[in-house]
Amino acid sequence: MWIYLKDGFYSVIASEDRRHLIVRARVKGDLERLFPGYRITRWVDRDYLYRTLVPRYAVAEQIDLAVQDIDYGNFKNAVLDKRRGPFYGMVWAVMSEMQQQLEYDVR
């Protein structure tokens, strides 16, 4: 699962046990903001440099808090670190293209 928040981008995947999830980030500091107190590891040989193991309930709680915190009418304009804007805009453009292509590719 990919999660874009006003202050970070995360990838959440299964861990070896059902009680935890692995939360990954590409930018230093994102995981520390979302999961303070959890051990963050840096993996230079992986596509996501930063990872942490988090109980499923804690991931769900953070997602719930992020949803409750929505106070904007335009996500891209609400992103706190304006350096991320162009990157989030590129994601938006790619997904818009997907929408257009798949809308007319009815199977």
PDB file of N, CA and C in Angstrom:
ATOM      1  N   MET A   1       0.855  -1.170   0.000  1.00  0.00           N
ATOM      2  CA  MET A   1       0.000   0.000   0.000  1.00  0.00           C
ATOM      3  C   MET A   1       0.898   1.229   0.000  1.00  0.00           C
ATOM      4  N   TRP A   2       0.620   2.134  -0.877  1.00  0.00           N
ATOM      5  CA  TRP A   2       1.308   3.419  -0.861  1.00  0.00           C
ATOM      6  C   TRP A   2       0.436   4.422  -0.140  1.00  0.00           C
ATOM      7  N   ILE A   3       1.066   5.243   0.668  1.00  0.00           N
ATOM      8  CA  ILE A   3       0.347   6.267   1.423  1.00  0.00           C
ATOM      9  C   ILE A   3       1.071   7.593   1.242  1.00  0.00           C
ATOM     10  N   TYR A   4       0.358   8.559   0.700  1.00  0.00           N
ATOM     11  CA  TYR A   4       0.887   9.910   0.569  1.00  0.00           C
ATOM     12  C   TYR A   4       0.200  10.776   1.613  1.00  0.00           C
ATOM     13  N   LEU A   5       0.986  11.390   2.479  1.00  0.00           N
ATOM     14  CA  LEU A   5       0.461  12.303   3.491  1.00  0.00           C
ATOM     15  C   LEU A   5       1.051  13.687   3.261  1.00  0.00           C
ATOM     16  N   LYS A   6       0.516  14.671   3.943  1.00  0.00           N
ATOM     17  CA  LYS A   6       1.022  16.035   3.801  1.00  0.00           C
ATOM     18  C   LYS A   6       2.504  16.126   4.141  1.00  0.00           C
ATOM     19  N   ASP A   7       2.984  15.223   5.005  1.00  0.00           N
ATOM     20  CA  ASP A   7       4.377  15.317   5.444  1.00  0.00           C
ATOM     21  C   ASP A   7       5.184  14.046   5.204  1.00  0.00           C
ATOM     22  N   GLY A   8       4.755  13.223   4.240  1.00  0.00           N
ATOM     23  CA  GLY A   8       5.555  12.046   3.951  1.00  0.00           C
ATOM     24  C   GLY A   8       4.920  11.097   2.959  1.00  0.00           C
ATOM     25  N   PHE A   9       5.751  10.227   2.419  1.00  0.00           N
ATOM     26  CA  PHE A   9       5.324   9.174   1.500  1.00  0.00           C
ATOM     27  C   PHE A   9       5.796   7.853   2.086  1.00  0.00           C
ATOM     28  N   TYR A  10       4.904   6.859   2.098  1.00  0.00           N
ATOM     29  CA  TYR A  10       5.185   5.580   2.739  1.00  0.00           C
ATOM     30  C   TYR A  10       4.733   4.424   1.863  1.00  0.00           C
ATOM     31  N   SER A  11       5.441   3.319   1.997  1.00  0.00           N
ATOM     32  CA  SER A  11       5.039   2.058   1.396  1.00  0.00           C
ATOM     33  C   SER A  11       4.890   1.067   2.542  1.00  0.00           C
ATOM     34  N   VAL A  12       3.747   0.408   2.607  1.00  0.00           N
ATOM     35  CA  VAL A  12       3.473  -0.530   3.695  1.00  0.00           C
ATOM     36  C   VAL A  12       3.328  -1.922   3.091  1.00  0.00           C
ATOM     37  N   ILE A  13       4.105  -2.854   3.642  1.00  0.00           N
ATOM     38  CA  ILE A  13       4.071  -4.230   3.151  1.00  0.00           C
ATOM     39  C   ILE A  13       3.971  -5.198   4.334  1.00  0.00           C
ATOM     40  N   ALA A  14       3.655  -6.447   4.035  1.00  0.00           N
ATOM     41  CA  ALA A  14       3.535  -7.474   5.071  1.00  0.00           C
ATOM     42  C   ALA A  14       4.906  -7.823   5.633  1.00  0.00           C
ATOM     43  N   SER A  15       4.907  -8.218   6.890  1.00  0.00           N
ATOM     44  CA  SER A  15       6.118  -8.756   7.507  1.00  0.00           C
ATOM     45  C   SER A  15       5.955 -10.268   7.615  1.00  0.00           C
ATOM     46  N   GLU A  16       6.933 -10.921   8.194  1.00  0.00           N
ATOM     47  CA  GLU A  16       6.859 -12.378   8.319  1.00  0.00           C
ATOM     48  C   GLU A  16       5.774 -12.824   9.290  1.00  0.00           C
ATOM     49  N   ASP A  17       5.431 -11.975  10.248  1.00  0.00           N
ATOM     50  CA  ASP A  17       4.344 -12.344  11.164  1.00  0.00           C
ATOM     51  C   ASP A  17       3.129 -11.455  10.910  1.00  0.00           C
ATOM     52  N   ARG A  18       1.975 -11.906  11.263  1.00  0.00           N
ATOM     53  CA  ARG A  18       0.730 -11.190  10.979  1.00  0.00           C
ATOM     54  C   ARG A  18       0.499  -9.992  11.890  1.00  0.00           C
ATOM     55  N   ARG A  19       1.232  -9.877  12.968  1.00  0.00           N
ATOM     56  CA  ARG A  19       1.003  -8.787  13.929  1.00  0.00           C
ATOM     57  C   ARG A  19       1.670  -7.479  13.533  1.00  0.00           C
ATOM     58  N   HIS A  20       2.633  -7.542  12.626  1.00  0.00           N
ATOM     59  CA  HIS A  20       3.401  -6.355  12.255  1.00  0.00           C
ATOM     60  C   HIS A  20       3.325  -6.081  10.758  1.00  0.00           C
ATOM     61  N   LEU A  21       3.652  -4.856  10.407  1.00  0.00           N
ATOM     62  CA  LEU A  21       3.823  -4.458   9.017  1.00  0.00           C
ATOM     63  C   LEU A  21       5.188  -3.794   8.894  1.00  0.00           C
ATOM     64  N   ILE A  22       5.753  -3.852   7.710  1.00  0.00           N
ATOM     65  CA  ILE A  22       6.983  -3.130   7.425  1.00  0.00           C
ATOM     66  C   ILE A  22       6.575  -1.840   6.733  1.00  0.00           C
ATOM     67  N   VAL A  23       6.959  -0.722   7.320  1.00  0.00           N
ATOM     68  CA  VAL A  23       6.662   0.581   6.727  1.00  0.00           C
ATOM     69  C   VAL A  23       7.978   1.124   6.181  1.00  0.00           C
ATOM     70  N   ARG A  24       7.952   1.503   4.913  1.00  0.00           N
ATOM     71  CA  ARG A  24       9.164   1.953   4.235  1.00  0.00           C
ATOM     72  C   ARG A  24       9.001   3.399   3.796  1.00  0.00           C
ATOM     73  N   ALA A  25      10.130   4.093   3.696  1.00  0.00           N
ATOM     74  CA  ALA A  25      10.126   5.483   3.230  1.00  0.00           C
ATOM     75  C   ALA A  25      11.371   5.728   2.389  1.00  0.00           C
ATOM     76  N   ARG A  26      11.276   6.701   1.540  1.00  0.00           N
ATOM     77  CA  ARG A  26      12.411   7.073   0.698  1.00  0.00           C
ATOM     78  C   ARG A  26      13.175   8.270   1.247  1.00  0.00           C
ATOM     79  N   VAL A  27      12.533   9.054   2.096  1.00  0.00           N
ATOM     80  CA  VAL A  27      13.133  10.301   2.580  1.00  0.00           C
ATOM     81  C   VAL A  27      13.397  10.202   4.079  1.00  0.00           C
ATOM     82  N   LYS A  28      14.615  10.543   4.472  1.00  0.00           N
ATOM     83  CA  LYS A  28      14.991  10.514   5.885  1.00  0.00           C
ATOM     84  C   LYS A  28      14.064  11.450   6.670  1.00  0.00           C
ATOM     85  N   GLY A  29      13.586  10.973   7.784  1.00  0.00           N
ATOM     86  CA  GLY A  29      12.723  11.772   8.646  1.00  0.00           C
ATOM     87  C   GLY A  29      11.250  11.439   8.525  1.00  0.00           C
ATOM     88  N   ASP A  30      10.824  10.884   7.398  1.00  0.00           N
ATOM     89  CA  ASP A  30       9.401  10.569   7.226  1.00  0.00           C
ATOM     90  C   ASP A  30       8.929   9.551   8.260  1.00  0.00           C
ATOM     91  N   LEU A  31       9.683   8.467   8.414  1.00  0.00           N
ATOM     92  CA  LEU A  31       9.277   7.435   9.370  1.00  0.00           C
ATOM     93  C   LEU A  31       9.343   7.937  10.802  1.00  0.00           C
ATOM     94  N   GLU A  32      10.355   8.740  11.115  1.00  0.00           N
ATOM     95  CA  GLU A  32      10.483   9.271  12.469  1.00  0.00           C
ATOM     96  C   GLU A  32       9.288  10.147  12.841  1.00  0.00           C
ATOM     97  N   ARG A  33       8.762  10.899  11.864  1.00  0.00           N
ATOM     98  CA  ARG A  33       7.586  11.746  12.118  1.00  0.00           C
ATOM     99  C   ARG A  33       6.338  10.906  12.358  1.00  0.00           C
ATOM    100  N   LEU A  34       6.160   9.873  11.554  1.00  0.00           N
ATOM    101  CA  LEU A  34       4.936   9.078  11.639  1.00  0.00           C
ATOM    102  C   LEU A  34       4.982   8.064  12.781  1.00  0.00           C
ATOM    103  N   PHE A  35       6.165   7.533  13.039  1.00  0.00           N
ATOM    104  CA  PHE A  35       6.308   6.494  14.064  1.00  0.00           C
ATOM    105  C   PHE A  35       7.467   6.816  15.012  1.00  0.00           C
ATOM    106  N   PRO A  36       7.335   7.883  15.789  1.00  0.00           N
ATOM    107  CA  PRO A  36       8.419   8.225  16.718  1.00  0.00           C
ATOM    108  C   PRO A  36       8.622   7.102  17.737  1.00  0.00           C
ATOM    109  N   GLY A  37       9.865   6.851  18.044  1.00  0.00           N
ATOM    110  CA  GLY A  37      10.174   5.822  19.021  1.00  0.00           C
ATOM    111  C   GLY A  37      10.414   4.444  18.437  1.00  0.00           C
ATOM    112  N   TYR A  38      10.065   4.233  17.179  1.00  0.00           N
ATOM    113  CA  TYR A  38      10.326   2.944  16.545  1.00  0.00           C
ATOM    114  C   TYR A  38      11.728   2.947  15.934  1.00  0.00           C
ATOM    115  N   ARG A  39      12.343   1.789  15.911  1.00  0.00           N
ATOM    116  CA  ARG A  39      13.694   1.652  15.363  1.00  0.00           C
ATOM    117  C   ARG A  39      13.637   1.744  13.838  1.00  0.00           C
ATOM    118  N   ILE A  40      14.384   2.682  13.288  1.00  0.00           N
ATOM    119  CA  ILE A  40      14.456   2.885  11.837  1.00  0.00           C
ATOM    120  C   ILE A  40      15.783   2.298  11.359  1.00  0.00           C
ATOM    121  N   THR A  41      15.725   1.508  10.302  1.00  0.00           N
ATOM    122  CA  THR A  41      16.957   0.980   9.722  1.00  0.00           C
ATOM    123  C   THR A  41      17.130   1.548   8.316  1.00  0.00           C
ATOM    124  N   ARG A  42      18.385   1.687   7.910  1.00  0.00           N
ATOM    125  CA  ARG A  42      18.722   2.192   6.574  1.00  0.00           C
ATOM    126  C   ARG A  42      19.265   1.029   5.757  1.00  0.00           C
ATOM    127  N   TRP A  43      18.662   0.800   4.593  1.00  0.00           N
ATOM    128  CA  TRP A  43      19.042  -0.303   3.713  1.00  0.00           C
ATOM    129  C   TRP A  43      19.550   0.276   2.389  1.00  0.00           C
ATOM    130  N   VAL A  44      20.846   0.363   2.223  1.00  0.00           N
ATOM    131  CA  VAL A  44      21.391   0.989   1.017  1.00  0.00           C
ATOM    132  C   VAL A  44      21.227   0.132  -0.229  1.00  0.00           C
ATOM    133  N   ASP A  45      20.968  -1.153  -0.063  1.00  0.00           N
ATOM    134  CA  ASP A  45      20.851  -2.043  -1.215  1.00  0.00           C
ATOM    135  C   ASP A  45      19.400  -2.310  -1.616  1.00  0.00           C
ATOM    136  N   ARG A  46      18.471  -1.519  -1.090  1.00  0.00           N
ATOM    137  CA  ARG A  46      17.041  -1.701  -1.391  1.00  0.00           C
ATOM    138  C   ARG A  46      16.482  -0.444  -2.045  1.00  0.00           C
ATOM    139  N   ASP A  47      15.314  -0.570  -2.661  1.00  0.00           N
ATOM    140  CA  ASP A  47      14.736   0.596  -3.337  1.00  0.00           C
ATOM    141  C   ASP A  47      14.220   1.645  -2.350  1.00  0.00           C
ATOM    142  N   TYR A  48      13.757   1.224  -1.181  1.00  0.00           N
ATOM    143  CA  TYR A  48      13.372   2.172  -0.131  1.00  0.00           C
ATOM    144  C   TYR A  48      14.499   2.167   0.894  1.00  0.00           C
ATOM    145  N   LEU A  49      15.126   3.312   1.109  1.00  0.00           N
ATOM    146  CA  LEU A  49      16.279   3.371   2.014  1.00  0.00           C
ATOM    147  C   LEU A  49      15.924   3.116   3.471  1.00  0.00           C
ATOM    148  N   TYR A  50      14.730   3.530   3.908  1.00  0.00           N
ATOM    149  CA  TYR A  50      14.396   3.496   5.331  1.00  0.00           C
ATOM    150  C   TYR A  50      13.223   2.562   5.597  1.00  0.00           C
ATOM    151  N   ARG A  51      13.323   1.805   6.701  1.00  0.00           N
ATOM    152  CA  ARG A  51      12.293   0.829   7.048  1.00  0.00           C
ATOM    153  C   ARG A  51      12.121   0.761   8.554  1.00  0.00           C
ATOM    154  N   THR A  52      10.916   0.387   8.961  1.00  0.00           N
ATOM    155  CA  THR A  52      10.658   0.111  10.365  1.00  0.00           C
ATOM    156  C   THR A  52       9.586  -0.968  10.460  1.00  0.00           C
ATOM    157  N   LEU A  53       9.636  -1.726  11.522  1.00  0.00           N
ATOM    158  CA  LEU A  53       8.649  -2.767  11.792  1.00  0.00           C
ATOM    159  C   LEU A  53       7.677  -2.218  12.825  1.00  0.00           C
ATOM    160  N   VAL A  54       6.388  -2.182  12.457  1.00  0.00           N
ATOM    161  CA  VAL A  54       5.376  -1.534  13.298  1.00  0.00           C
ATOM    162  C   VAL A  54       4.193  -2.476  13.486  1.00  0.00           C
ATOM    163  N   PRO A  55       3.653  -2.567  14.705  1.00  0.00           N
ATOM    164  CA  PRO A  55       2.437  -3.363  14.887  1.00  0.00           C
ATOM    165  C   PRO A  55       1.315  -2.862  13.968  1.00  0.00           C
ATOM    166  N   ARG A  56       0.536  -3.784  13.438  1.00  0.00           N
ATOM    167  CA  ARG A  56      -0.557  -3.415  12.535  1.00  0.00           C
ATOM    168  C   ARG A  56      -1.486  -2.366  13.154  1.00  0.00           C
ATOM    169  N   TYR A  57      -1.810  -2.525  14.427  1.00  0.00           N
ATOM    170  CA  TYR A  57      -2.724  -1.582  15.063  1.00  0.00           C
ATOM    171  C   TYR A  57      -2.140  -0.168  15.060  1.00  0.00           C
ATOM    172  N   ALA A  58      -0.817  -0.036  15.218  1.00  0.00           N
ATOM    173  CA  ALA A  58      -0.195   1.290  15.237  1.00  0.00           C
ATOM    174  C   ALA A  58      -0.228   1.935  13.852  1.00  0.00           C
ATOM    175  N   VAL A  59      -0.051   1.128  12.809  1.00  0.00           N
ATOM    176  CA  VAL A  59      -0.168   1.655  11.444  1.00  0.00           C
ATOM    177  C   VAL A  59      -1.597   2.123  11.207  1.00  0.00           C
ATOM    178  N   ALA A  60      -2.568   1.310  11.598  1.00  0.00           N
ATOM    179  CA  ALA A  60      -3.981   1.671  11.437  1.00  0.00           C
ATOM    180  C   ALA A  60      -4.315   2.943  12.206  1.00  0.00           C
ATOM    181  N   GLU A  61      -3.786   3.087  13.404  1.00  0.00           N
ATOM    182  CA  GLU A  61      -4.033   4.298  14.202  1.00  0.00           C
ATOM    183  C   GLU A  61      -3.487   5.532  13.497  1.00  0.00           C
ATOM    184  N   GLN A  62      -2.288   5.431  12.933  1.00  0.00           N
ATOM    185  CA  GLN A  62      -1.689   6.588  12.249  1.00  0.00           C
ATOM    186  C   GLN A  62      -2.466   6.946  10.989  1.00  0.00           C
ATOM    187  N   ILE A  63      -2.937   5.948  10.252  1.00  0.00           N
ATOM    188  CA  ILE A  63      -3.745   6.226   9.065  1.00  0.00           C
ATOM    189  C   ILE A  63      -5.049   6.900   9.482  1.00  0.00           C
ATOM    190  N   ASP A  64      -5.665   6.398  10.552  1.00  0.00           N
ATOM    191  CA  ASP A  64      -6.895   7.012  11.056  1.00  0.00           C
ATOM    192  C   ASP A  64      -6.662   8.464  11.449  1.00  0.00           C
ATOM    193  N   LEU A  65      -5.583   8.734  12.162  1.00  0.00           N
ATOM    194  CA  LEU A  65      -5.272  10.121  12.560  1.00  0.00           C
ATOM    195  C   LEU A  65      -5.072  11.013  11.335  1.00  0.00           C
ATOM    196  N   ALA A  66      -4.400  10.477  10.312  1.00  0.00           N
ATOM    197  CA  ALA A  66      -4.176  11.262   9.089  1.00  0.00           C
ATOM    198  C   ALA A  66      -5.496  11.588   8.405  1.00  0.00           C
ATOM    199  N   VAL A  67      -6.413  10.632   8.381  1.00  0.00           N
ATOM    200  CA  VAL A  67      -7.731  10.877   7.783  1.00  0.00           C
ATOM    201  C   VAL A  67      -8.486  11.928   8.594  1.00  0.00           C
ATOM    202  N   GLN A  68      -8.456  11.803   9.913  1.00  0.00           N
ATOM    203  CA  GLN A  68      -9.148  12.766  10.777  1.00  0.00           C
ATOM    204  C   GLN A  68      -8.567  14.171  10.638  1.00  0.00           C
ATOM    205  N   ASP A  69      -7.297  14.271  10.223  1.00  0.00           N
ATOM    206  CA  ASP A  69      -6.585  15.552  10.114  1.00  0.00           C
ATOM    207  C   ASP A  69      -6.803  16.250   8.770  1.00  0.00           C
ATOM    208  N   ILE A  70      -7.534  15.637   7.863  1.00  0.00           N
ATOM    209  CA  ILE A  70      -7.728  16.262   6.544  1.00  0.00           C
ATOM    210  C   ILE A  70      -8.504  17.564   6.715  1.00  0.00           C
ATOM    211  N   ASP A  71      -7.867  18.648   6.294  1.00  0.00           N
ATOM    212  CA  ASP A  71      -8.451  19.984   6.438  1.00  0.00           C
ATOM    213  C   ASP A  71      -8.259  20.813   5.164  1.00  0.00           C
ATOM    214  N   TYR A  72      -8.062  20.145   4.045  1.00  0.00           N
ATOM    215  CA  TYR A  72      -7.717  20.825   2.804  1.00  0.00           C
ATOM    216  C   TYR A  72      -8.659  20.399   1.689  1.00  0.00           C
ATOM    217  N   GLY A  73      -8.735  21.237   0.674  1.00  0.00           N
ATOM    218  CA  GLY A  73      -9.535  20.927  -0.500  1.00  0.00           C
ATOM    219  C   GLY A  73      -8.691  20.471  -1.679  1.00  0.00           C
ATOM    220  N   ASN A  74      -7.371  20.609  -1.555  1.00  0.00           N
ATOM    221  CA  ASN A  74      -6.453  20.199  -2.611  1.00  0.00           C
ATOM    222  C   ASN A  74      -5.204  19.626  -1.953  1.00  0.00           C
ATOM    223  N   PHE A  75      -5.000  18.339  -2.118  1.00  0.00           N
ATOM    224  CA  PHE A  75      -3.889  17.672  -1.437  1.00  0.00           C
ATOM    225  C   PHE A  75      -2.534  18.239  -1.843  1.00  0.00           C
ATOM    226  N   LYS A  76      -2.305  18.389  -3.146  1.00  0.00           N
ATOM    227  CA  LYS A  76      -0.990  18.844  -3.606  1.00  0.00           C
ATOM    228  C   LYS A  76      -0.625  20.195  -2.987  1.00  0.00           C
ATOM    229  N   ASN A  77      -1.594  21.067  -2.822  1.00  0.00           N
ATOM    230  CA  ASN A  77      -1.322  22.380  -2.221  1.00  0.00           C
ATOM    231  C   ASN A  77      -1.111  22.303  -0.713  1.00  0.00           C
ATOM    232  N   ALA A  78      -1.538  21.213  -0.093  1.00  0.00           N
ATOM    233  CA  ALA A  78      -1.428  21.069   1.358  1.00  0.00           C
ATOM    234  C   ALA A  78      -0.118  20.425   1.797  1.00  0.00           C
ATOM    235  N   VAL A  79       0.657  19.903   0.843  1.00  0.00           N
ATOM    236  CA  VAL A  79       1.910  19.237   1.191  1.00  0.00           C
ATOM    237  C   VAL A  79       2.823  20.231   1.904  1.00  0.00           C
ATOM    238  N   LEU A  80       3.322  19.843   3.065  1.00  0.00           N
ATOM    239  CA  LEU A  80       4.071  20.759   3.915  1.00  0.00           C
ATOM    240  C   LEU A  80       5.447  21.109   3.362  1.00  0.00           C
ATOM    241  N   ASP A  81       6.179  20.139   2.865  1.00  0.00           N
ATOM    242  CA  ASP A  81       7.506  20.376   2.300  1.00  0.00           C
ATOM    243  C   ASP A  81       7.326  20.668   0.810  1.00  0.00           C
ATOM    244  N   LYS A  82       7.381  21.922   0.450  1.00  0.00           N
ATOM    245  CA  LYS A  82       7.078  22.334  -0.931  1.00  0.00           C
ATOM    246  C   LYS A  82       8.042  21.729  -1.949  1.00  0.00           C
ATOM    247  N   ARG A  83       9.192  21.225  -1.500  1.00  0.00           N
ATOM    248  CA  ARG A  83      10.104  20.553  -2.433  1.00  0.00           C
ATOM    249  C   ARG A  83       9.488  19.285  -2.990  1.00  0.00           C
ATOM    250  N   ARG A  84       8.517  18.721  -2.285  1.00  0.00           N
ATOM    251  CA  ARG A  84       7.862  17.493  -2.738  1.00  0.00           C
ATOM    252  C   ARG A  84       6.815  17.757  -3.819  1.00  0.00           C
ATOM    253  N   GLY A  85       6.355  18.974  -3.917  1.00  0.00           N
ATOM    254  CA  GLY A  85       5.284  19.319  -4.844  1.00  0.00           C
ATOM    255  C   GLY A  85       5.494  18.810  -6.260  1.00  0.00           C
ATOM    256  N   PRO A  86       6.653  19.076  -6.870  1.00  0.00           N
ATOM    257  CA  PRO A  86       6.851  18.598  -8.243  1.00  0.00           C
ATOM    258  C   PRO A  86       6.789  17.074  -8.357  1.00  0.00           C
ATOM    259  N   PHE A  87       7.279  16.375  -7.358  1.00  0.00           N
ATOM    260  CA  PHE A  87       7.256  14.908  -7.394  1.00  0.00           C
ATOM    261  C   PHE A  87       5.830  14.384  -7.243  1.00  0.00           C
ATOM    262  N   TYR A  88       5.088  14.951  -6.313  1.00  0.00           N
ATOM    263  CA  TYR A  88       3.693  14.550  -6.144  1.00  0.00           C
ATOM    264  C   TYR A  88       2.893  14.894  -7.395  1.00  0.00           C
ATOM    265  N   GLY A  89       3.238  16.009  -8.021  1.00  0.00           N
ATOM    266  CA  GLY A  89       2.581  16.391  -9.268  1.00  0.00           C
ATOM    267  C   GLY A  89       2.828  15.389 -10.381  1.00  0.00           C
ATOM    268  N   MET A  90       4.047  14.840 -10.430  1.00  0.00           N
ATOM    269  CA  MET A  90       4.353  13.826 -11.438  1.00  0.00           C
ATOM    270  C   MET A  90       3.545  12.552 -11.183  1.00  0.00           C
ATOM    271  N   VAL A  91       3.393  12.179  -9.923  1.00  0.00           N
ATOM    272  CA  VAL A  91       2.565  11.011  -9.584  1.00  0.00           C
ATOM    273  C   VAL A  91       1.128  11.279 -10.023  1.00  0.00           C
ATOM    274  N   TRP A  92       0.624  12.476  -9.731  1.00  0.00           N
ATOM    275  CA  TRP A  92      -0.731  12.846 -10.131  1.00  0.00           C
ATOM    276  C   TRP A  92      -0.888  12.718 -11.640  1.00  0.00           C
ATOM    277  N   ALA A  93       0.093  13.199 -12.404  1.00  0.00           N
ATOM    278  CA  ALA A  93       0.002  13.176 -13.863  1.00  0.00           C
ATOM    279  C   ALA A  93       0.001  11.743 -14.395  1.00  0.00           C
ATOM    280  N   VAL A  94       0.841  10.897 -13.846  1.00  0.00           N
ATOM    281  CA  VAL A  94       0.891   9.500 -14.283  1.00  0.00           C
ATOM    282  C   VAL A  94      -0.437   8.812 -13.985  1.00  0.00           C
ATOM    283  N   MET A  95      -1.004   9.059 -12.811  1.00  0.00           N
ATOM    284  CA  MET A  95      -2.269   8.415 -12.458  1.00  0.00           C
ATOM    285  C   MET A  95      -3.429   8.986 -13.276  1.00  0.00           C
ATOM    286  N   SER A  96      -3.337  10.246 -13.659  1.00  0.00           N
ATOM    287  CA  SER A  96      -4.340  10.820 -14.546  1.00  0.00           C
ATOM    288  C   SER A  96      -4.287  10.134 -15.913  1.00  0.00           C
ATOM    289  N   GLU A  97      -3.085   9.890 -16.391  1.00  0.00           N
ATOM    290  CA  GLU A  97      -2.916   9.176 -17.653  1.00  0.00           C
ATOM    291  C   GLU A  97      -3.484   7.761 -17.556  1.00  0.00           C
ATOM    292  N   MET A  98      -3.255   7.100 -16.421  1.00  0.00           N
ATOM    293  CA  MET A  98      -3.812   5.770 -16.221  1.00  0.00           C
ATOM    294  C   MET A  98      -5.339   5.821 -16.293  1.00  0.00           C
ATOM    295  N   GLN A  99      -5.909   6.815 -15.633  1.00  0.00           N
ATOM    296  CA  GLN A  99      -7.370   6.969 -15.652  1.00  0.00           C
ATOM    297  C   GLN A  99      -7.870   7.081 -17.072  1.00  0.00           C
ATOM    298  N   GLN A 100      -7.224   7.913 -17.869  1.00  0.00           N
ATOM    299  CA  GLN A 100      -7.668   8.125 -19.238  1.00  0.00           C
ATOM    300  C   GLN A 100      -7.524   6.843 -20.071  1.00  0.00           C
ATOM    301  N   GLN A 101      -6.418   6.168 -19.919  1.00  0.00           N
ATOM    302  CA  GLN A 101      -6.201   4.954 -20.720  1.00  0.00           C
ATOM    303  C   GLN A 101      -7.129   3.822 -20.300  1.00  0.00           C
ATOM    304  N   LEU A 102      -7.286   3.615 -19.011  1.00  0.00           N
ATOM    305  CA  LEU A 102      -8.111   2.497 -18.567  1.00  0.00           C
ATOM    306  C   LEU A 102      -9.618   2.780 -18.702  1.00  0.00           C
ATOM    307  N   GLU A 103      -9.988   4.040 -18.704  1.00  0.00           N
ATOM    308  CA  GLU A 103     -11.388   4.402 -18.887  1.00  0.00           C
ATOM    309  C   GLU A 103     -11.914   3.914 -20.230  1.00  0.00           C
ATOM    310  N   TYR A 104     -11.029   3.940 -21.220  1.00  0.00           N
ATOM    311  CA  TYR A 104     -11.442   3.570 -22.570  1.00  0.00           C
ATOM    312  C   TYR A 104     -10.980   2.178 -22.974  1.00  0.00           C
ATOM    313  N   ASP A 105     -10.300   1.495 -22.057  1.00  0.00           N
ATOM    314  CA  ASP A 105      -9.831   0.151 -22.322  1.00  0.00           C
ATOM    315  C   ASP A 105     -10.714  -0.835 -21.578  1.00  0.00           C
ATOM    316  N   VAL A 106     -12.000  -0.852 -21.923  1.00  0.00           N
ATOM    317  CA  VAL A 106     -12.963  -1.717 -21.253  1.00  0.00           C
ATOM    318  C   VAL A 106     -12.778  -3.144 -21.747  1.00  0.00           C
ATOM    319  N   ARG A 107     -12.678  -4.061 -20.815  1.00  0.00           N
ATOM    320  CA  ARG A 107     -12.453  -5.476 -21.201  1.00  0.00           C
ATOM    321  C   ARG A 107     -13.692  -6.279 -20.990  1.00  0.00           C
TER     322      ARG A 107
END
